[in-house]
């Protein structure tokens, strides 16, 4: 007689694997909708976006990657070594598992044991590239410091910027930012008007109204500074600007009413009268010179004195 017992544990494991596959697919190929508004153009890095801004997630993934290739490591072991509470480690592990970066044993006796997946190793390689990319580090330092300054002192009170280096936000892709990188980030923020330099001793800075607007907009510093602004609109009648706003105006005039025949007639008249002024032949030639493209009028013969006197009538 056939065994009709149902392996519920195998079914649950299979369903769990299907859900993970769907979650990984949604993570890799998210549905994107074009968004227009506020004139922002969202920038996209060639290396994508991952867990580089979360120090705890990066540290747990790196720690798991240092375990044997096909071995599993338990959450309790990481909690003991890192000093992170076990409850927080469980949340971090679930987040990494949801993104398909780690996988669990799936058994009831070792449900808290995990190992890095193939996608997780791809993410580790991407993190290593980010750590050695100066431009990516600078962009992160600029964005992270501005967000930290808003959270710390959105009331615009003077704040020591070096305190930022003691926080978790000062780590990028698992690596700590240096004081020089903070200095470059501050220089960019102050130059763009998002942060103000109080010029006290020790040095303190304040977030400006534009800096607050940048943080509240949700855009990065680069996207905020490169946002499109509404242009100037003008209504022009003839040569008068009757409506508009102050700004740079460039106007192109095309005069289609110009008649070149008047210039040709004037040139012909000068040529006709030149002998009467006692001009030398060379001067007459220069005066009567006309462009090759302009048609030349036939010379008008001056009537002699005899011809100008009407004949007498007998």
Foldseek 3Di string as FASTA:
>chain_A
DDDPDDDVLVVVVVVVVVLLVVLQVCLVDPDDDDDDDPQFDADADPLGDDCFQPQVLLVVLVVQAPDPPPDWDFLVVCCVVVVPDSVVSVVSVVVCSSNVQKDAPSDPVGRRIIHGDPVVVVVLVSLVVLVPDLVSLLLQLLQLLLLVQCVVCVVFDWDDSVVVQVDSSQGGSNHGHDPVSNVVSVVVCCVLPQKPWPPDVVTTITGDPLSVVCVVVVGGPVRSSPGDDDDWDFDDDDHDTPDIDDDDDDDDDDDPPDDCVVVQVVLLVCLQCVVVVVDDPVVSCVSNDDDPVDDHDDHDDDDDPVVVDDDDDD
